[in-house]
All heavy atoms as atom14 arrays in JSON, in Angstrom:
{
  "sequence": "YLLLYVFVNIWTISIHDGDYRVPGFLTGAVNGSAHHTDHHLFFDYN",
  "atom14_mask": [
    [1, 1, 1, 1, 1, 1, 1, 1, 1, 1, 1, 1, 0, 0],
    [1, 1, 1, 1, 1, 1, 1, 1, 0, 0, 0, 0, 0, 0],
    [1, 1, 1, 1, 1, 1, 1, 1, 0, 0, 0, 0, 0, 0],
    [1, 1, 1, 1, 1, 1, 1, 1, 0, 0, 0, 0, 0, 0],
    [1, 1, 1, 1, 1, 1, 1, 1, 1, 1, 1, 1, 0, 0],
    [1, 1, 1, 1, 1, 1, 1, 0, 0, 0, 0, 0, 0, 0],
    [1, 1, 1, 1, 1, 1, 1, 1, 1, 1, 1, 0, 0, 0],
    [1, 1, 1, 1, 1, 1, 1, 0, 0, 0, 0, 0, 0, 0],
    [1, 1, 1, 1, 1, 1, 1, 1, 0, 0, 0, 0, 0, 0],
    [1, 1, 1, 1, 1, 1, 1, 1, 0, 0, 0, 0, 0, 0],
    [1, 1, 1, 1, 1, 1, 1, 1, 1, 1, 1, 1, 1, 1],
    [1, 1, 1, 1, 1, 1, 1, 0, 0, 0, 0, 0, 0, 0],
    [1, 1, 1, 1, 1, 1, 1, 1, 0, 0, 0, 0, 0, 0],
    [1, 1, 1, 1, 1, 1, 0, 0, 0, 0, 0, 0, 0, 0],
    [1, 1, 1, 1, 1, 1, 1, 1, 0, 0, 0, 0, 0, 0],
    [1, 1, 1, 1, 1, 1, 1, 1, 1, 1, 0, 0, 0, 0],
    [1, 1, 1, 1, 1, 1, 1, 1, 0, 0, 0, 0, 0, 0],
    [1, 1, 1, 1, 0, 0, 0, 0, 0, 0, 0, 0, 0, 0],
    [1, 1, 1, 1, 1, 1, 1, 1, 0, 0, 0, 0, 0, 0],
    [1, 1, 1, 1, 1, 1, 1, 1, 1, 1, 1, 1, 0, 0],
    [1, 1, 1, 1, 1, 1, 1, 1, 1, 1, 1, 0, 0, 0],
    [1, 1, 1, 1, 1, 1, 1, 0, 0, 0, 0, 0, 0, 0],
    [1, 1, 1, 1, 1, 1, 1, 0, 0, 0, 0, 0, 0, 0],
    [1, 1, 1, 1, 0, 0, 0, 0, 0, 0, 0, 0, 0, 0],
    [1, 1, 1, 1, 1, 1, 1, 1, 1, 1, 1, 0, 0, 0],
    [1, 1, 1, 1, 1, 1, 1, 1, 0, 0, 0, 0, 0, 0],
    [1, 1, 1, 1, 1, 1, 1, 0, 0, 0, 0, 0, 0, 0],
    [1, 1, 1, 1, 0, 0, 0, 0, 0, 0, 0, 0, 0, 0],
    [1, 1, 1, 1, 1, 0, 0, 0, 0, 0, 0, 0, 0, 0],
    [1, 1, 1, 1, 1, 1, 1, 0, 0, 0, 0, 0, 0, 0],
    [1, 1, 1, 1, 1, 1, 1, 1, 0, 0, 0, 0, 0, 0],
    [1, 1, 1, 1, 0, 0, 0, 0, 0, 0, 0, 0, 0, 0],
    [1, 1, 1, 1, 1, 1, 0, 0, 0, 0, 0, 0, 0, 0],
    [1, 1, 1, 1, 1, 0, 0, 0, 0, 0, 0, 0, 0, 0],
    [1, 1, 1, 1, 1, 1, 1, 1, 1, 1, 0, 0, 0, 0],
    [1, 1, 1, 1, 1, 1, 1, 1, 1, 1, 0, 0, 0, 0],
    [1, 1, 1, 1, 1, 1, 1, 0, 0, 0, 0, 0, 0, 0],
    [1, 1, 1, 1, 1, 1, 1, 1, 0, 0, 0, 0, 0, 0],
    [1, 1, 1, 1, 1, 1, 1, 1, 1, 1, 0, 0, 0, 0],
    [1, 1, 1, 1, 1, 1, 1, 1, 1, 1, 0, 0, 0, 0],
    [1, 1, 1, 1, 1, 1, 1, 1, 0, 0, 0, 0, 0, 0],
    [1, 1, 1, 1, 1, 1, 1, 1, 1, 1, 1, 0, 0, 0],
    [1, 1, 1, 1, 1, 1, 1, 1, 1, 1, 1, 0, 0, 0],
    [1, 1, 1, 1, 1, 1, 1, 1, 0, 0, 0, 0, 0, 0],
    [1, 1, 1, 1, 1, 1, 1, 1, 1, 1, 1, 1, 0, 0],
    [1, 1, 1, 1, 1, 1, 1, 1, 0, 0, 0, 0, 0, 0]
  ],
  "atom14_positions": [
    [[50.72, 58.28, -41.63], [49.85, 57.66, -42.58], [48.87, 56.72, -41.8], [47.72, 56.81, -42.18], [50.79, 56.73, -43.51], [50.0, 56.03, -44.55], [48.84, 56.7, -45.29], [50.29, 54.82, -44.92], [48.16, 55.97, -46.28], [49.56, 54.01, -45.9], [48.56, 54.77, -46.65], [47.83, 54.11, -47.51], [0.0, 0.0, 0.0], [0.0, 0.0, 0.0]],
    [[49.34, 56.14, -40.88], [48.4, 55.25, -39.96], [47.45, 56.08, -39.21], [46.15, 55.75, -39.13], [49.22, 54.38, -39.03], [50.0, 53.23, -39.67], [50.78, 52.53, -38.45], [49.15, 52.19, -40.31], [0.0, 0.0, 0.0], [0.0, 0.0, 0.0], [0.0, 0.0, 0.0], [0.0, 0.0, 0.0], [0.0, 0.0, 0.0], [0.0, 0.0, 0.0]],
    [[47.87, 57.22, -38.66], [46.87, 58.13, -37.96], [45.89, 58.81, -38.94], [44.75, 58.88, -38.59], [47.73, 59.28, -37.29], [48.72, 58.77, -36.16], [49.47, 59.91, -35.68], [47.83, 58.26, -35.0], [0.0, 0.0, 0.0], [0.0, 0.0, 0.0], [0.0, 0.0, 0.0], [0.0, 0.0, 0.0], [0.0, 0.0, 0.0], [0.0, 0.0, 0.0]],
    [[46.42, 59.2, -40.12], [45.46, 59.69, -41.09], [44.28, 58.55, -41.64], [43.27, 58.94, -41.83], [46.15, 60.14, -42.36], [46.98, 61.59, -42.17], [47.83, 61.78, -43.28], [46.0, 62.66, -42.01], [0.0, 0.0, 0.0], [0.0, 0.0, 0.0], [0.0, 0.0, 0.0], [0.0, 0.0, 0.0], [0.0, 0.0, 0.0], [0.0, 0.0, 0.0]],
    [[44.85, 57.42, -41.74], [43.95, 56.33, -42.05], [42.9, 56.11, -40.97], [41.68, 55.87, -41.41], [44.8, 55.0, -42.21], [44.04, 53.88, -42.86], [43.72, 53.88, -44.26], [43.47, 52.79, -42.2], [43.13, 52.85, -44.93], [42.78, 51.73, -42.8], [42.68, 51.79, -44.17], [41.99, 50.88, -44.8], [0.0, 0.0, 0.0], [0.0, 0.0, 0.0]],
    [[43.31, 56.23, -39.75], [42.24, 56.08, -38.64], [41.29, 57.29, -38.7], [40.11, 57.17, -38.61], [42.86, 55.96, -37.21], [41.87, 56.02, -36.12], [43.71, 54.77, -37.14], [0.0, 0.0, 0.0], [0.0, 0.0, 0.0], [0.0, 0.0, 0.0], [0.0, 0.0, 0.0], [0.0, 0.0, 0.0], [0.0, 0.0, 0.0], [0.0, 0.0, 0.0]],
    [[41.94, 58.5, -38.97], [41.13, 59.72, -39.03], [40.02, 59.62, -40.21], [38.89, 59.91, -39.99], [42.0, 60.94, -39.33], [41.15, 62.22, -39.65], [40.63, 62.98, -38.71], [41.22, 62.61, -40.96], [39.82, 64.05, -39.06], [40.5, 63.73, -41.35], [39.76, 64.46, -40.37], [0.0, 0.0, 0.0], [0.0, 0.0, 0.0], [0.0, 0.0, 0.0]],
    [[40.48, 59.1, -41.36], [39.62, 58.9, -42.47], [38.4, 58.01, -42.1], [37.26, 58.41, -42.42], [40.38, 58.3, -43.71], [39.37, 57.74, -44.67], [41.3, 59.27, -44.25], [0.0, 0.0, 0.0], [0.0, 0.0, 0.0], [0.0, 0.0, 0.0], [0.0, 0.0, 0.0], [0.0, 0.0, 0.0], [0.0, 0.0, 0.0], [0.0, 0.0, 0.0]],
    [[38.66, 57.0, -41.32], [37.54, 56.19, -40.96], [36.65, 56.91, -39.96], [35.3, 56.79, -40.04], [37.99, 54.86, -40.28], [38.36, 53.81, -41.3], [37.64, 53.05, -41.75], [39.74, 53.88, -41.77], [0.0, 0.0, 0.0], [0.0, 0.0, 0.0], [0.0, 0.0, 0.0], [0.0, 0.0, 0.0], [0.0, 0.0, 0.0], [0.0, 0.0, 0.0]],
    [[37.16, 57.65, -39.01], [36.38, 58.45, -38.04], [35.5, 59.49, -38.84], [34.32, 59.6, -38.58], [37.28, 59.1, -37.1], [37.95, 58.08, -36.16], [36.53, 60.08, -36.18], [39.04, 58.69, -35.16], [0.0, 0.0, 0.0], [0.0, 0.0, 0.0], [0.0, 0.0, 0.0], [0.0, 0.0, 0.0], [0.0, 0.0, 0.0], [0.0, 0.0, 0.0]],
    [[36.1, 60.18, -39.68], [35.38, 61.14, -40.56], [34.36, 60.57, -41.32], [33.16, 61.13, -41.45], [36.31, 62.02, -41.45], [35.73, 63.09, -42.08], [35.1, 63.11, -43.33], [35.55, 64.48, -41.55], [34.63, 64.35, -43.53], [34.81, 65.19, -42.51], [36.04, 65.06, -40.36], [34.46, 66.57, -42.41], [35.76, 66.39, -40.18], [34.91, 67.1, -41.12]],
    [[34.58, 59.34, -41.97], [33.52, 58.75, -42.84], [32.31, 58.39, -42.03], [31.17, 58.57, -42.38], [34.19, 57.54, -43.53], [35.24, 57.89, -44.29], [33.14, 56.84, -44.4], [0.0, 0.0, 0.0], [0.0, 0.0, 0.0], [0.0, 0.0, 0.0], [0.0, 0.0, 0.0], [0.0, 0.0, 0.0], [0.0, 0.0, 0.0], [0.0, 0.0, 0.0]],
    [[32.64, 57.95, -40.77], [31.57, 57.67, -39.8], [30.87, 58.9, -39.35], [29.54, 58.96, -39.3], [32.02, 56.79, -38.59], [32.41, 55.37, -39.14], [31.03, 56.75, -37.51], [33.16, 54.6, -38.14], [0.0, 0.0, 0.0], [0.0, 0.0, 0.0], [0.0, 0.0, 0.0], [0.0, 0.0, 0.0], [0.0, 0.0, 0.0], [0.0, 0.0, 0.0]],
    [[31.6, 60.01, -39.17], [30.96, 61.15, -38.63], [30.07, 61.84, -39.61], [29.05, 62.56, -39.1], [32.11, 62.16, -38.21], [32.73, 62.81, -39.31], [0.0, 0.0, 0.0], [0.0, 0.0, 0.0], [0.0, 0.0, 0.0], [0.0, 0.0, 0.0], [0.0, 0.0, 0.0], [0.0, 0.0, 0.0], [0.0, 0.0, 0.0], [0.0, 0.0, 0.0]],
    [[30.26, 61.71, -40.82], [29.48, 62.39, -41.78], [28.04, 61.63, -41.97], [27.3, 62.03, -42.89], [30.03, 62.76, -43.12], [30.55, 61.56, -43.85], [31.16, 63.77, -42.96], [31.17, 61.72, -45.2], [0.0, 0.0, 0.0], [0.0, 0.0, 0.0], [0.0, 0.0, 0.0], [0.0, 0.0, 0.0], [0.0, 0.0, 0.0], [0.0, 0.0, 0.0]],
    [[28.01, 60.49, -41.32], [26.84, 59.75, -41.41], [26.21, 59.58, -40.04], [25.23, 58.77, -39.81], [27.08, 58.23, -41.87], [27.57, 58.26, -43.4], [28.9, 58.36, -43.68], [26.91, 57.95, -44.55], [29.03, 58.14, -44.96], [27.83, 57.99, -45.41], [0.0, 0.0, 0.0], [0.0, 0.0, 0.0], [0.0, 0.0, 0.0], [0.0, 0.0, 0.0]],
    [[26.56, 60.4, -39.13], [26.17, 60.22, -37.76], [24.91, 60.95, -37.24], [24.36, 60.88, -36.17], [27.29, 60.42, -36.73], [27.69, 61.96, -36.74], [26.97, 62.8, -37.26], [28.71, 62.18, -36.07], [0.0, 0.0, 0.0], [0.0, 0.0, 0.0], [0.0, 0.0, 0.0], [0.0, 0.0, 0.0], [0.0, 0.0, 0.0], [0.0, 0.0, 0.0]],
    [[24.27, 61.7, -38.19], [23.09, 62.41, -37.96], [23.23, 63.52, -36.98], [22.23, 64.17, -36.49], [0.0, 0.0, 0.0], [0.0, 0.0, 0.0], [0.0, 0.0, 0.0], [0.0, 0.0, 0.0], [0.0, 0.0, 0.0], [0.0, 0.0, 0.0], [0.0, 0.0, 0.0], [0.0, 0.0, 0.0], [0.0, 0.0, 0.0], [0.0, 0.0, 0.0]],
    [[24.43, 64.01, -36.54], [24.75, 65.1, -35.71], [24.99, 66.34, -36.63], [26.15, 66.43, -37.1], [25.95, 64.87, -34.78], [26.14, 65.98, -33.79], [25.46, 67.04, -33.89], [26.92, 65.84, -32.82], [0.0, 0.0, 0.0], [0.0, 0.0, 0.0], [0.0, 0.0, 0.0], [0.0, 0.0, 0.0], [0.0, 0.0, 0.0], [0.0, 0.0, 0.0]],
    [[23.99, 67.21, -36.89], [24.1, 68.14, -37.8], [24.68, 69.55, -37.25], [24.71, 70.48, -37.97], [22.61, 68.56, -38.38], [21.94, 67.32, -38.87], [20.47, 67.12, -38.68], [22.65, 66.4, -39.67], [19.97, 66.04, -39.25], [21.97, 65.31, -40.19], [20.68, 65.02, -39.81], [20.0, 63.99, -40.51], [0.0, 0.0, 0.0], [0.0, 0.0, 0.0]],
    [[25.19, 69.47, -36.06], [25.73, 70.73, -35.45], [27.11, 70.99, -36.15], [27.95, 70.16, -36.18], [25.91, 70.59, -34.0], [24.58, 70.45, -33.27], [24.83, 70.07, -31.81], [25.51, 68.82, -31.65], [25.85, 68.31, -30.52], [25.67, 68.98, -29.35], [26.36, 67.03, -30.41], [0.0, 0.0, 0.0], [0.0, 0.0, 0.0], [0.0, 0.0, 0.0]],
    [[27.32, 72.17, -36.53], [28.48, 72.63, -37.23], [28.75, 74.03, -36.73], [27.89, 74.94, -36.77], [28.42, 72.61, -38.77], [29.8, 73.11, -39.41], [27.98, 71.36, -39.28], [0.0, 0.0, 0.0], [0.0, 0.0, 0.0], [0.0, 0.0, 0.0], [0.0, 0.0, 0.0], [0.0, 0.0, 0.0], [0.0, 0.0, 0.0], [0.0, 0.0, 0.0]],
    [[29.97, 74.42, -36.2], [30.33, 75.73, -35.87], [30.0, 76.67, -36.94], [30.43, 76.45, -38.12], [31.83, 75.68, -35.45], [32.03, 74.21, -35.15], [31.09, 73.43, -35.97], [0.0, 0.0, 0.0], [0.0, 0.0, 0.0], [0.0, 0.0, 0.0], [0.0, 0.0, 0.0], [0.0, 0.0, 0.0], [0.0, 0.0, 0.0], [0.0, 0.0, 0.0]],
    [[29.35, 77.76, -36.7], [28.87, 78.74, -37.73], [29.87, 79.1, -38.69], [29.69, 79.1, -39.93], [0.0, 0.0, 0.0], [0.0, 0.0, 0.0], [0.0, 0.0, 0.0], [0.0, 0.0, 0.0], [0.0, 0.0, 0.0], [0.0, 0.0, 0.0], [0.0, 0.0, 0.0], [0.0, 0.0, 0.0], [0.0, 0.0, 0.0], [0.0, 0.0, 0.0]],
    [[31.16, 79.4, -38.19], [32.18, 79.8, -39.17], [32.82, 78.75, -40.11], [33.38, 79.05, -41.08], [33.32, 80.53, -38.37], [34.17, 79.52, -37.52], [35.39, 79.09, -38.05], [33.65, 79.21, -36.28], [36.1, 78.2, -37.32], [34.44, 78.23, -35.53], [35.73, 77.72, -36.06], [0.0, 0.0, 0.0], [0.0, 0.0, 0.0], [0.0, 0.0, 0.0]],
    [[32.36, 77.49, -39.74], [32.93, 76.4, -40.55], [31.81, 75.78, -41.55], [32.14, 75.03, -42.38], [33.36, 75.19, -39.7], [34.54, 75.55, -38.87], [34.93, 74.29, -37.98], [35.81, 75.7, -39.64], [0.0, 0.0, 0.0], [0.0, 0.0, 0.0], [0.0, 0.0, 0.0], [0.0, 0.0, 0.0], [0.0, 0.0, 0.0], [0.0, 0.0, 0.0]],
    [[30.49, 76.29, -41.34], [29.45, 75.84, -42.11], [29.62, 75.8, -43.6], [29.35, 74.81, -44.44], [28.13, 76.51, -41.8], [27.92, 76.47, -40.43], [26.96, 75.88, -42.6], [0.0, 0.0, 0.0], [0.0, 0.0, 0.0], [0.0, 0.0, 0.0], [0.0, 0.0, 0.0], [0.0, 0.0, 0.0], [0.0, 0.0, 0.0], [0.0, 0.0, 0.0]],
    [[30.23, 76.86, -44.05], [30.47, 76.97, -45.52], [31.7, 76.35, -46.1], [31.78, 76.35, -47.35], [0.0, 0.0, 0.0], [0.0, 0.0, 0.0], [0.0, 0.0, 0.0], [0.0, 0.0, 0.0], [0.0, 0.0, 0.0], [0.0, 0.0, 0.0], [0.0, 0.0, 0.0], [0.0, 0.0, 0.0], [0.0, 0.0, 0.0], [0.0, 0.0, 0.0]],
    [[32.51, 75.82, -45.16], [33.76, 75.42, -45.66], [34.01, 73.86, -45.44], [34.57, 73.12, -46.2], [34.97, 76.07, -44.94], [0.0, 0.0, 0.0], [0.0, 0.0, 0.0], [0.0, 0.0, 0.0], [0.0, 0.0, 0.0], [0.0, 0.0, 0.0], [0.0, 0.0, 0.0], [0.0, 0.0, 0.0], [0.0, 0.0, 0.0], [0.0, 0.0, 0.0]],
    [[33.33, 73.35, -44.3], [33.59, 71.96, -43.89], [32.33, 71.04, -44.27], [31.15, 71.48, -44.04], [33.85, 71.79, -42.41], [33.93, 70.39, -42.03], [35.14, 72.48, -42.06], [0.0, 0.0, 0.0], [0.0, 0.0, 0.0], [0.0, 0.0, 0.0], [0.0, 0.0, 0.0], [0.0, 0.0, 0.0], [0.0, 0.0, 0.0], [0.0, 0.0, 0.0]],
    [[32.49, 70.08, -44.93], [31.44, 69.13, -45.29], [31.08, 68.11, -44.19], [31.79, 67.16, -44.01], [31.84, 68.33, -46.63], [30.72, 67.33, -47.15], [29.72, 67.89, -47.54], [31.03, 66.03, -46.91], [0.0, 0.0, 0.0], [0.0, 0.0, 0.0], [0.0, 0.0, 0.0], [0.0, 0.0, 0.0], [0.0, 0.0, 0.0], [0.0, 0.0, 0.0]],
    [[30.13, 68.53, -43.41], [29.81, 67.73, -42.21], [28.58, 66.92, -42.47], [28.17, 66.68, -43.55], [0.0, 0.0, 0.0], [0.0, 0.0, 0.0], [0.0, 0.0, 0.0], [0.0, 0.0, 0.0], [0.0, 0.0, 0.0], [0.0, 0.0, 0.0], [0.0, 0.0, 0.0], [0.0, 0.0, 0.0], [0.0, 0.0, 0.0], [0.0, 0.0, 0.0]],
    [[28.02, 66.38, -41.35], [27.04, 65.36, -41.47], [25.78, 66.04, -42.03], [25.05, 65.26, -42.83], [26.59, 64.82, -40.09], [25.56, 63.91, -40.08], [0.0, 0.0, 0.0], [0.0, 0.0, 0.0], [0.0, 0.0, 0.0], [0.0, 0.0, 0.0], [0.0, 0.0, 0.0], [0.0, 0.0, 0.0], [0.0, 0.0, 0.0], [0.0, 0.0, 0.0]],
    [[25.49, 67.28, -41.83], [24.3, 67.97, -42.43], [24.38, 68.04, -43.86], [23.41, 67.84, -44.59], [24.12, 69.32, -41.74], [0.0, 0.0, 0.0], [0.0, 0.0, 0.0], [0.0, 0.0, 0.0], [0.0, 0.0, 0.0], [0.0, 0.0, 0.0], [0.0, 0.0, 0.0], [0.0, 0.0, 0.0], [0.0, 0.0, 0.0], [0.0, 0.0, 0.0]],
    [[25.52, 68.3, -44.3], [25.92, 68.43, -45.86], [25.69, 67.05, -46.49], [25.02, 67.0, -47.51], [27.27, 68.96, -46.07], [27.59, 70.27, -45.57], [27.79, 70.51, -44.31], [27.77, 71.53, -46.2], [28.15, 71.79, -43.97], [28.09, 72.4, -45.24], [0.0, 0.0, 0.0], [0.0, 0.0, 0.0], [0.0, 0.0, 0.0], [0.0, 0.0, 0.0]],
    [[26.22, 66.04, -45.73], [26.25, 64.74, -46.5], [24.85, 64.07, -46.38], [24.44, 63.36, -47.31], [27.33, 63.82, -45.69], [27.54, 62.59, -46.6], [28.17, 62.65, -47.8], [27.27, 61.29, -46.33], [28.27, 61.34, -48.32], [27.71, 60.51, -47.4], [0.0, 0.0, 0.0], [0.0, 0.0, 0.0], [0.0, 0.0, 0.0], [0.0, 0.0, 0.0]],
    [[24.07, 64.39, -45.27], [22.81, 63.86, -45.26], [21.92, 64.41, -46.56], [21.18, 63.71, -47.16], [22.07, 64.22, -44.03], [22.77, 63.69, -42.87], [20.63, 63.88, -43.9], [0.0, 0.0, 0.0], [0.0, 0.0, 0.0], [0.0, 0.0, 0.0], [0.0, 0.0, 0.0], [0.0, 0.0, 0.0], [0.0, 0.0, 0.0], [0.0, 0.0, 0.0]],
    [[22.15, 65.73, -46.86], [21.44, 66.34, -48.0], [21.93, 65.6, -49.32], [21.13, 65.44, -50.26], [21.8, 67.79, -48.12], [20.69, 68.64, -47.27], [19.93, 67.99, -46.61], [20.79, 69.78, -47.53], [0.0, 0.0, 0.0], [0.0, 0.0, 0.0], [0.0, 0.0, 0.0], [0.0, 0.0, 0.0], [0.0, 0.0, 0.0], [0.0, 0.0, 0.0]],
    [[23.2, 65.17, -49.28], [23.5, 64.28, -50.48], [22.76, 63.06, -50.66], [22.36, 62.69, -51.73], [25.05, 64.0, -50.37], [25.59, 63.14, -51.48], [25.74, 63.44, -52.82], [25.82, 61.71, -51.47], [26.06, 62.46, -53.51], [26.25, 61.31, -52.73], [0.0, 0.0, 0.0], [0.0, 0.0, 0.0], [0.0, 0.0, 0.0], [0.0, 0.0, 0.0]],
    [[22.57, 62.33, -49.47], [21.75, 61.19, -49.47], [20.24, 61.36, -49.85], [19.74, 60.63, -50.57], [21.88, 60.57, -48.1], [23.02, 59.67, -47.97], [23.02, 58.23, -47.96], [24.26, 59.99, -47.62], [24.21, 57.73, -47.78], [25.05, 58.83, -47.53], [0.0, 0.0, 0.0], [0.0, 0.0, 0.0], [0.0, 0.0, 0.0], [0.0, 0.0, 0.0]],
    [[19.71, 62.59, -49.38], [18.33, 62.89, -49.68], [18.15, 63.51, -51.11], [17.11, 63.16, -51.67], [17.85, 63.92, -48.66], [17.71, 63.3, -47.21], [17.44, 64.4, -46.22], [16.52, 62.31, -47.18], [0.0, 0.0, 0.0], [0.0, 0.0, 0.0], [0.0, 0.0, 0.0], [0.0, 0.0, 0.0], [0.0, 0.0, 0.0], [0.0, 0.0, 0.0]],
    [[19.08, 64.3, -51.49], [18.78, 65.11, -52.81], [19.69, 64.67, -53.98], [19.7, 65.28, -55.01], [18.88, 66.55, -52.55], [17.97, 67.03, -51.41], [18.51, 67.46, -50.19], [16.54, 67.02, -51.67], [17.51, 67.84, -49.18], [15.68, 67.44, -50.63], [16.22, 67.82, -49.44], [0.0, 0.0, 0.0], [0.0, 0.0, 0.0], [0.0, 0.0, 0.0]],
    [[20.7, 63.75, -53.66], [21.39, 63.01, -54.68], [22.51, 63.78, -55.36], [23.61, 63.27, -55.55], [20.29, 62.48, -55.72], [20.94, 61.61, -56.77], [21.24, 60.32, -56.49], [21.14, 62.1, -58.08], [21.73, 59.46, -57.4], [21.76, 61.22, -59.05], [21.93, 59.86, -58.78], [0.0, 0.0, 0.0], [0.0, 0.0, 0.0], [0.0, 0.0, 0.0]],
    [[22.22, 64.96, -55.98], [23.16, 65.61, -56.88], [23.91, 66.79, -56.23], [24.52, 67.59, -56.93], [22.41, 66.22, -58.01], [21.91, 65.12, -59.02], [22.58, 64.23, -59.18], [20.92, 65.34, -59.63], [0.0, 0.0, 0.0], [0.0, 0.0, 0.0], [0.0, 0.0, 0.0], [0.0, 0.0, 0.0], [0.0, 0.0, 0.0], [0.0, 0.0, 0.0]],
    [[24.04, 66.74, -54.97], [24.69, 67.8, -54.15], [25.73, 67.26, -53.24], [25.68, 66.13, -52.69], [23.6, 68.7, -53.58], [22.63, 69.3, -54.32], [21.39, 68.69, -54.51], [22.82, 70.32, -55.15], [20.41, 69.18, -55.29], [21.92, 70.9, -56.02], [20.67, 70.36, -56.04], [19.74, 70.93, -56.9], [0.0, 0.0, 0.0], [0.0, 0.0, 0.0]],
    [[26.64, 68.09, -52.83], [27.6, 67.79, -51.64], [28.29, 66.44, -51.87], [28.09, 65.57, -50.98], [26.82, 67.95, -50.4], [26.23, 69.33, -50.11], [26.53, 70.26, -50.8], [25.39, 69.41, -49.2], [0.0, 0.0, 0.0], [0.0, 0.0, 0.0], [0.0, 0.0, 0.0], [0.0, 0.0, 0.0], [0.0, 0.0, 0.0], [0.0, 0.0, 0.0]]
  ]
}
């Protein structure tokens, strides 16, 4: 639980870090920084 709590904070920071690189096979499954940046820009997505 403690490890997951730290991971949650790392992940929350990572989707705001402006590093849009995502391994190709994960692009459609994992919500990364590129996905979340579009949420900030376009509001109703991701």
